[in-house]
Amino acid sequence: MDTKKALTKILQFRDERDWKQFHTSKEIALALLIEAGELAEHFQWKTGEELKEHTKEKKQAISHELADVLYWLILLSHELKIDIEKAFSEKMKINASKYPIEDSYANNSKYNDKG
């Protein structure tokens, strides 16, 4: 995905509706959390086969919630002047350092919980 193209679409959508005035960093962050919550609702209280069936039946609705999360994430990074692609690359390098393959392979422990 080209986040710059996505940002252009997001800004056009927002600006055509004169919504910039409502989009403080705080409000965008809250919208991101709300959309992430709506995504999480698809998985709440479901296990095993029920979860598998729900995700299959509701794939389009789940994909739309993911898109909403991405929308707000891209807009927030723009408002905070953060290059999200660069931040992602940097964070993946940090994660690789925290979770070397030899310590992490098939192990879901947090990096600082090697007990």
N, C-alpha and C. Protein backbone atom coordinates (compact mmCIF):
# COMPACT_ATOMS: atom_id res chain seq x y z
N MET A 1 0.84 -1.19 0.00
CA MET A 1 0.00 0.00 0.00
C MET A 1 0.88 1.25 0.00
N ASP A 2 0.49 2.21 -0.75
CA ASP A 2 1.18 3.49 -0.79
C ASP A 2 0.49 4.43 0.19
N THR A 3 1.12 4.64 1.34
CA THR A 3 0.48 5.47 2.37
C THR A 3 0.34 6.92 1.93
N LYS A 4 1.22 7.38 1.06
CA LYS A 4 1.11 8.77 0.58
C LYS A 4 -0.15 8.94 -0.28
N LYS A 5 -0.45 7.96 -1.11
CA LYS A 5 -1.68 8.01 -1.90
C LYS A 5 -2.91 7.91 -1.00
N ALA A 6 -2.81 7.04 0.00
CA ALA A 6 -3.92 6.90 0.95
C ALA A 6 -4.14 8.22 1.69
N LEU A 7 -3.06 8.86 2.12
CA LEU A 7 -3.18 10.15 2.80
C LEU A 7 -3.84 11.19 1.91
N THR A 8 -3.48 11.22 0.65
CA THR A 8 -4.10 12.16 -0.29
C THR A 8 -5.61 11.95 -0.34
N LYS A 9 -6.04 10.69 -0.40
CA LYS A 9 -7.49 10.37 -0.42
C LYS A 9 -8.15 10.77 0.88
N ILE A 10 -7.48 10.50 2.00
CA ILE A 10 -8.02 10.84 3.31
C ILE A 10 -8.20 12.35 3.45
N LEU A 11 -7.17 13.10 3.08
CA LEU A 11 -7.24 14.55 3.20
C LEU A 11 -8.31 15.14 2.29
N GLN A 12 -8.42 14.60 1.08
CA GLN A 12 -9.45 15.07 0.15
C GLN A 12 -10.84 14.80 0.74
N PHE A 13 -11.04 13.59 1.24
CA PHE A 13 -12.32 13.21 1.85
C PHE A 13 -12.65 14.15 3.01
N ARG A 14 -11.67 14.36 3.89
CA ARG A 14 -11.87 15.22 5.06
C ARG A 14 -12.14 16.67 4.65
N ASP A 15 -11.31 17.18 3.75
CA ASP A 15 -11.40 18.59 3.39
C ASP A 15 -12.67 18.91 2.61
N GLU A 16 -13.16 17.98 1.80
CA GLU A 16 -14.42 18.19 1.07
C GLU A 16 -15.59 18.36 2.04
N ARG A 17 -15.44 17.84 3.24
CA ARG A 17 -16.50 17.90 4.25
C ARG A 17 -16.24 18.96 5.32
N ASP A 18 -15.12 19.69 5.18
CA ASP A 18 -14.73 20.72 6.14
C ASP A 18 -14.65 20.14 7.56
N TRP A 19 -14.00 18.99 7.68
CA TRP A 19 -13.88 18.34 8.99
C TRP A 19 -12.55 18.61 9.68
N LYS A 20 -11.62 19.25 9.01
CA LYS A 20 -10.30 19.50 9.62
C LYS A 20 -10.45 20.19 10.97
N GLN A 21 -11.41 21.08 11.08
CA GLN A 21 -11.64 21.81 12.31
C GLN A 21 -11.93 20.90 13.51
N PHE A 22 -12.39 19.70 13.25
CA PHE A 22 -12.71 18.75 14.32
C PHE A 22 -11.58 17.77 14.60
N HIS A 23 -10.55 17.79 13.76
CA HIS A 23 -9.52 16.76 13.80
C HIS A 23 -8.26 17.20 14.52
N THR A 24 -8.39 17.41 15.81
CA THR A 24 -7.20 17.62 16.63
C THR A 24 -6.53 16.26 16.82
N SER A 25 -5.29 16.28 17.23
CA SER A 25 -4.59 15.00 17.47
C SER A 25 -5.34 14.15 18.49
N LYS A 26 -5.87 14.81 19.52
CA LYS A 26 -6.62 14.08 20.55
C LYS A 26 -7.84 13.40 19.96
N GLU A 27 -8.61 14.14 19.17
CA GLU A 27 -9.83 13.58 18.59
C GLU A 27 -9.52 12.44 17.61
N ILE A 28 -8.46 12.61 16.86
CA ILE A 28 -8.06 11.55 15.92
C ILE A 28 -7.63 10.31 16.69
N ALA A 29 -6.85 10.50 17.76
CA ALA A 29 -6.41 9.35 18.56
C ALA A 29 -7.61 8.63 19.17
N LEU A 30 -8.59 9.39 19.65
CA LEU A 30 -9.79 8.77 20.21
C LEU A 30 -10.57 8.01 19.14
N ALA A 31 -10.68 8.59 17.95
CA ALA A 31 -11.37 7.90 16.85
C ALA A 31 -10.65 6.60 16.50
N LEU A 32 -9.32 6.64 16.52
CA LEU A 32 -8.53 5.44 16.25
C LEU A 32 -8.84 4.35 17.28
N LEU A 33 -8.89 4.74 18.55
CA LEU A 33 -9.21 3.77 19.61
C LEU A 33 -10.62 3.22 19.47
N ILE A 34 -11.55 4.08 19.13
CA ILE A 34 -12.94 3.63 18.96
C ILE A 34 -13.05 2.63 17.82
N GLU A 35 -12.40 2.93 16.71
CA GLU A 35 -12.43 2.00 15.58
C GLU A 35 -11.73 0.68 15.91
N ALA A 36 -10.63 0.76 16.65
CA ALA A 36 -9.94 -0.47 17.08
C ALA A 36 -10.86 -1.28 17.99
N GLY A 37 -11.64 -0.60 18.82
CA GLY A 37 -12.61 -1.29 19.66
C GLY A 37 -13.69 -1.98 18.85
N GLU A 38 -14.17 -1.29 17.81
CA GLU A 38 -15.17 -1.90 16.94
C GLU A 38 -14.61 -3.12 16.23
N LEU A 39 -13.35 -3.07 15.87
CA LEU A 39 -12.69 -4.24 15.29
C LEU A 39 -12.62 -5.37 16.32
N ALA A 40 -12.22 -5.03 17.54
CA ALA A 40 -12.08 -6.04 18.59
C ALA A 40 -13.41 -6.72 18.92
N GLU A 41 -14.51 -6.00 18.78
CA GLU A 41 -15.82 -6.57 19.06
C GLU A 41 -16.11 -7.81 18.22
N HIS A 42 -15.53 -7.86 17.04
CA HIS A 42 -15.75 -9.03 16.18
C HIS A 42 -15.15 -10.30 16.79
N PHE A 43 -14.20 -10.16 17.68
CA PHE A 43 -13.49 -11.31 18.23
C PHE A 43 -13.87 -11.59 19.69
N GLN A 44 -14.48 -10.62 20.32
CA GLN A 44 -14.81 -10.73 21.74
C GLN A 44 -15.79 -11.87 21.98
N TRP A 45 -15.49 -12.67 22.99
CA TRP A 45 -16.32 -13.75 23.48
C TRP A 45 -16.47 -14.92 22.52
N LYS A 46 -15.69 -14.94 21.48
CA LYS A 46 -15.76 -16.06 20.54
C LYS A 46 -14.48 -16.88 20.62
N THR A 47 -14.62 -18.17 20.51
CA THR A 47 -13.46 -19.04 20.53
C THR A 47 -13.62 -20.14 19.49
N GLY A 48 -12.53 -20.77 19.21
CA GLY A 48 -12.52 -21.96 18.37
C GLY A 48 -13.29 -21.83 17.09
N GLU A 49 -14.19 -22.79 16.89
CA GLU A 49 -14.95 -22.89 15.65
C GLU A 49 -15.87 -21.68 15.46
N GLU A 50 -16.44 -21.19 16.55
CA GLU A 50 -17.32 -20.02 16.46
C GLU A 50 -16.55 -18.81 15.92
N LEU A 51 -15.34 -18.63 16.40
CA LEU A 51 -14.51 -17.51 15.95
C LEU A 51 -14.16 -17.68 14.47
N LYS A 52 -13.80 -18.90 14.11
CA LYS A 52 -13.46 -19.18 12.71
C LYS A 52 -14.64 -18.88 11.79
N GLU A 53 -15.82 -19.32 12.19
CA GLU A 53 -17.02 -19.12 11.39
C GLU A 53 -17.38 -17.63 11.31
N HIS A 54 -17.28 -16.95 12.44
CA HIS A 54 -17.61 -15.52 12.46
C HIS A 54 -16.68 -14.72 11.54
N THR A 55 -15.38 -15.00 11.63
CA THR A 55 -14.44 -14.25 10.79
C THR A 55 -14.66 -14.54 9.31
N LYS A 56 -15.10 -15.75 9.02
CA LYS A 56 -15.40 -16.09 7.63
C LYS A 56 -16.67 -15.36 7.17
N GLU A 57 -17.71 -15.40 7.98
CA GLU A 57 -18.98 -14.76 7.63
C GLU A 57 -18.88 -13.24 7.60
N LYS A 58 -18.07 -12.68 8.46
CA LYS A 58 -18.01 -11.22 8.63
C LYS A 58 -16.72 -10.62 8.07
N LYS A 59 -16.11 -11.32 7.14
CA LYS A 59 -14.82 -10.87 6.61
C LYS A 59 -14.90 -9.45 6.05
N GLN A 60 -15.95 -9.12 5.31
CA GLN A 60 -16.05 -7.78 4.74
C GLN A 60 -16.21 -6.74 5.84
N ALA A 61 -17.04 -6.99 6.83
CA ALA A 61 -17.22 -6.04 7.93
C ALA A 61 -15.91 -5.86 8.71
N ILE A 62 -15.20 -6.94 8.93
CA ILE A 62 -13.91 -6.87 9.61
C ILE A 62 -12.92 -6.08 8.77
N SER A 63 -12.93 -6.30 7.46
CA SER A 63 -12.01 -5.56 6.59
C SER A 63 -12.32 -4.06 6.62
N HIS A 64 -13.59 -3.71 6.73
CA HIS A 64 -13.96 -2.30 6.81
C HIS A 64 -13.50 -1.68 8.12
N GLU A 65 -13.57 -2.44 9.21
CA GLU A 65 -13.06 -1.93 10.50
C GLU A 65 -11.54 -1.75 10.44
N LEU A 66 -10.86 -2.68 9.82
CA LEU A 66 -9.41 -2.53 9.64
C LEU A 66 -9.10 -1.28 8.82
N ALA A 67 -9.88 -1.04 7.79
CA ALA A 67 -9.68 0.15 6.96
C ALA A 67 -9.92 1.42 7.77
N ASP A 68 -10.92 1.41 8.64
CA ASP A 68 -11.17 2.57 9.50
C ASP A 68 -9.99 2.83 10.43
N VAL A 69 -9.43 1.77 11.00
CA VAL A 69 -8.25 1.92 11.87
C VAL A 69 -7.10 2.52 11.06
N LEU A 70 -6.89 2.00 9.87
CA LEU A 70 -5.80 2.49 9.02
C LEU A 70 -6.02 3.96 8.66
N TYR A 71 -7.24 4.34 8.34
CA TYR A 71 -7.59 5.72 8.02
C TYR A 71 -7.12 6.66 9.14
N TRP A 72 -7.53 6.35 10.37
CA TRP A 72 -7.19 7.22 11.50
C TRP A 72 -5.71 7.17 11.82
N LEU A 73 -5.08 6.04 11.66
CA LEU A 73 -3.64 5.92 11.90
C LEU A 73 -2.85 6.79 10.93
N ILE A 74 -3.21 6.73 9.67
CA ILE A 74 -2.52 7.54 8.66
C ILE A 74 -2.77 9.02 8.91
N LEU A 75 -4.01 9.38 9.24
CA LEU A 75 -4.31 10.79 9.50
C LEU A 75 -3.58 11.30 10.74
N LEU A 76 -3.52 10.49 11.79
CA LEU A 76 -2.82 10.90 13.01
C LEU A 76 -1.33 11.08 12.75
N SER A 77 -0.74 10.17 12.01
CA SER A 77 0.69 10.32 11.70
C SER A 77 0.93 11.60 10.90
N HIS A 78 0.01 11.93 10.00
CA HIS A 78 0.12 13.17 9.23
C HIS A 78 0.03 14.39 10.16
N GLU A 79 -0.95 14.40 11.03
CA GLU A 79 -1.15 15.54 11.92
C GLU A 79 0.04 15.73 12.86
N LEU A 80 0.68 14.63 13.26
CA LEU A 80 1.83 14.70 14.17
C LEU A 80 3.15 14.83 13.41
N LYS A 81 3.05 14.88 12.08
CA LYS A 81 4.24 14.99 11.22
C LYS A 81 5.23 13.84 11.47
N ILE A 82 4.67 12.64 11.51
CA ILE A 82 5.45 11.42 11.68
C ILE A 82 5.39 10.64 10.37
N ASP A 83 6.55 10.30 9.84
CA ASP A 83 6.62 9.45 8.66
C ASP A 83 6.36 8.02 9.12
N ILE A 84 5.12 7.57 8.94
CA ILE A 84 4.71 6.28 9.48
C ILE A 84 5.47 5.12 8.87
N GLU A 85 5.84 5.22 7.59
CA GLU A 85 6.61 4.14 6.96
C GLU A 85 8.00 4.06 7.60
N LYS A 86 8.62 5.20 7.83
CA LYS A 86 9.93 5.22 8.48
C LYS A 86 9.82 4.72 9.92
N ALA A 87 8.80 5.18 10.63
CA ALA A 87 8.60 4.75 12.01
C ALA A 87 8.40 3.23 12.08
N PHE A 88 7.65 2.69 11.13
CA PHE A 88 7.42 1.25 11.08
C PHE A 88 8.73 0.50 10.87
N SER A 89 9.53 0.96 9.92
CA SER A 89 10.82 0.30 9.65
C SER A 89 11.72 0.34 10.88
N GLU A 90 11.78 1.50 11.53
CA GLU A 90 12.60 1.64 12.74
C GLU A 90 12.11 0.69 13.83
N LYS A 91 10.81 0.64 14.02
CA LYS A 91 10.25 -0.21 15.07
C LYS A 91 10.47 -1.69 14.79
N MET A 92 10.42 -2.09 13.53
CA MET A 92 10.68 -3.49 13.20
C MET A 92 12.12 -3.87 13.52
N LYS A 93 13.06 -2.94 13.32
CA LYS A 93 14.46 -3.19 13.69
C LYS A 93 14.59 -3.33 15.20
N ILE A 94 13.91 -2.48 15.94
CA ILE A 94 13.92 -2.58 17.41
C ILE A 94 13.35 -3.91 17.85
N ASN A 95 12.21 -4.30 17.25
CA ASN A 95 11.58 -5.58 17.59
C ASN A 95 12.50 -6.76 17.29
N ALA A 96 13.21 -6.70 16.16
CA ALA A 96 14.13 -7.79 15.82
C ALA A 96 15.24 -7.90 16.86
N SER A 97 15.66 -6.76 17.39
CA SER A 97 16.69 -6.76 18.42
C SER A 97 16.14 -7.31 19.75
N LYS A 98 14.93 -6.93 20.09
CA LYS A 98 14.29 -7.39 21.33
C LYS A 98 13.96 -8.88 21.29
N TYR A 99 13.61 -9.34 20.11
CA TYR A 99 13.14 -10.71 19.93
C TYR A 99 14.00 -11.45 18.92
N PRO A 100 15.27 -11.74 19.26
CA PRO A 100 16.09 -12.50 18.31
C PRO A 100 15.48 -13.89 18.09
N ILE A 101 15.64 -14.37 16.89
CA ILE A 101 15.02 -15.65 16.52
C ILE A 101 15.40 -16.76 17.48
N GLU A 102 16.68 -16.82 17.86
CA GLU A 102 17.12 -17.91 18.73
C GLU A 102 16.44 -17.91 20.10
N ASP A 103 15.99 -16.75 20.57
CA ASP A 103 15.30 -16.68 21.86
C ASP A 103 13.79 -16.70 21.71
N SER A 104 13.30 -16.39 20.54
CA SER A 104 11.88 -16.14 20.37
C SER A 104 11.13 -17.18 19.55
N TYR A 105 11.84 -18.01 18.84
CA TYR A 105 11.19 -18.98 17.94
C TYR A 105 10.23 -19.86 18.74
N ALA A 106 8.97 -19.85 18.34
CA ALA A 106 7.90 -20.65 18.97
C ALA A 106 7.75 -20.35 20.45
N ASN A 107 8.08 -19.12 20.86
CA ASN A 107 8.01 -18.71 22.25
C ASN A 107 7.28 -17.37 22.31
N ASN A 108 6.16 -17.31 23.01
CA ASN A 108 5.38 -16.08 23.03
C ASN A 108 5.64 -15.21 24.25
N SER A 109 6.73 -15.46 24.95
CA SER A 109 7.09 -14.64 26.11
C SER A 109 7.54 -13.25 25.68
N LYS A 110 7.22 -12.27 26.50
CA LYS A 110 7.69 -10.92 26.23
C LYS A 110 9.20 -10.87 26.42
N TYR A 111 9.86 -9.98 25.69
CA TYR A 111 11.33 -9.91 25.69
C TYR A 111 11.92 -9.73 27.09
N ASN A 112 11.21 -9.02 27.97
CA ASN A 112 11.76 -8.79 29.30
C ASN A 112 11.20 -9.77 30.33
N ASP A 113 10.59 -10.85 29.87
CA ASP A 113 10.01 -11.86 30.75
C ASP A 113 10.60 -13.23 30.42
N LYS A 114 11.92 -13.30 30.43
CA LYS A 114 12.59 -14.55 30.06
C LYS A 114 12.73 -15.48 31.27
N GLY A 115 12.21 -15.03 32.44
CA GLY A 115 12.16 -15.77 33.69
C GLY A 115 13.10 -16.85 33.80
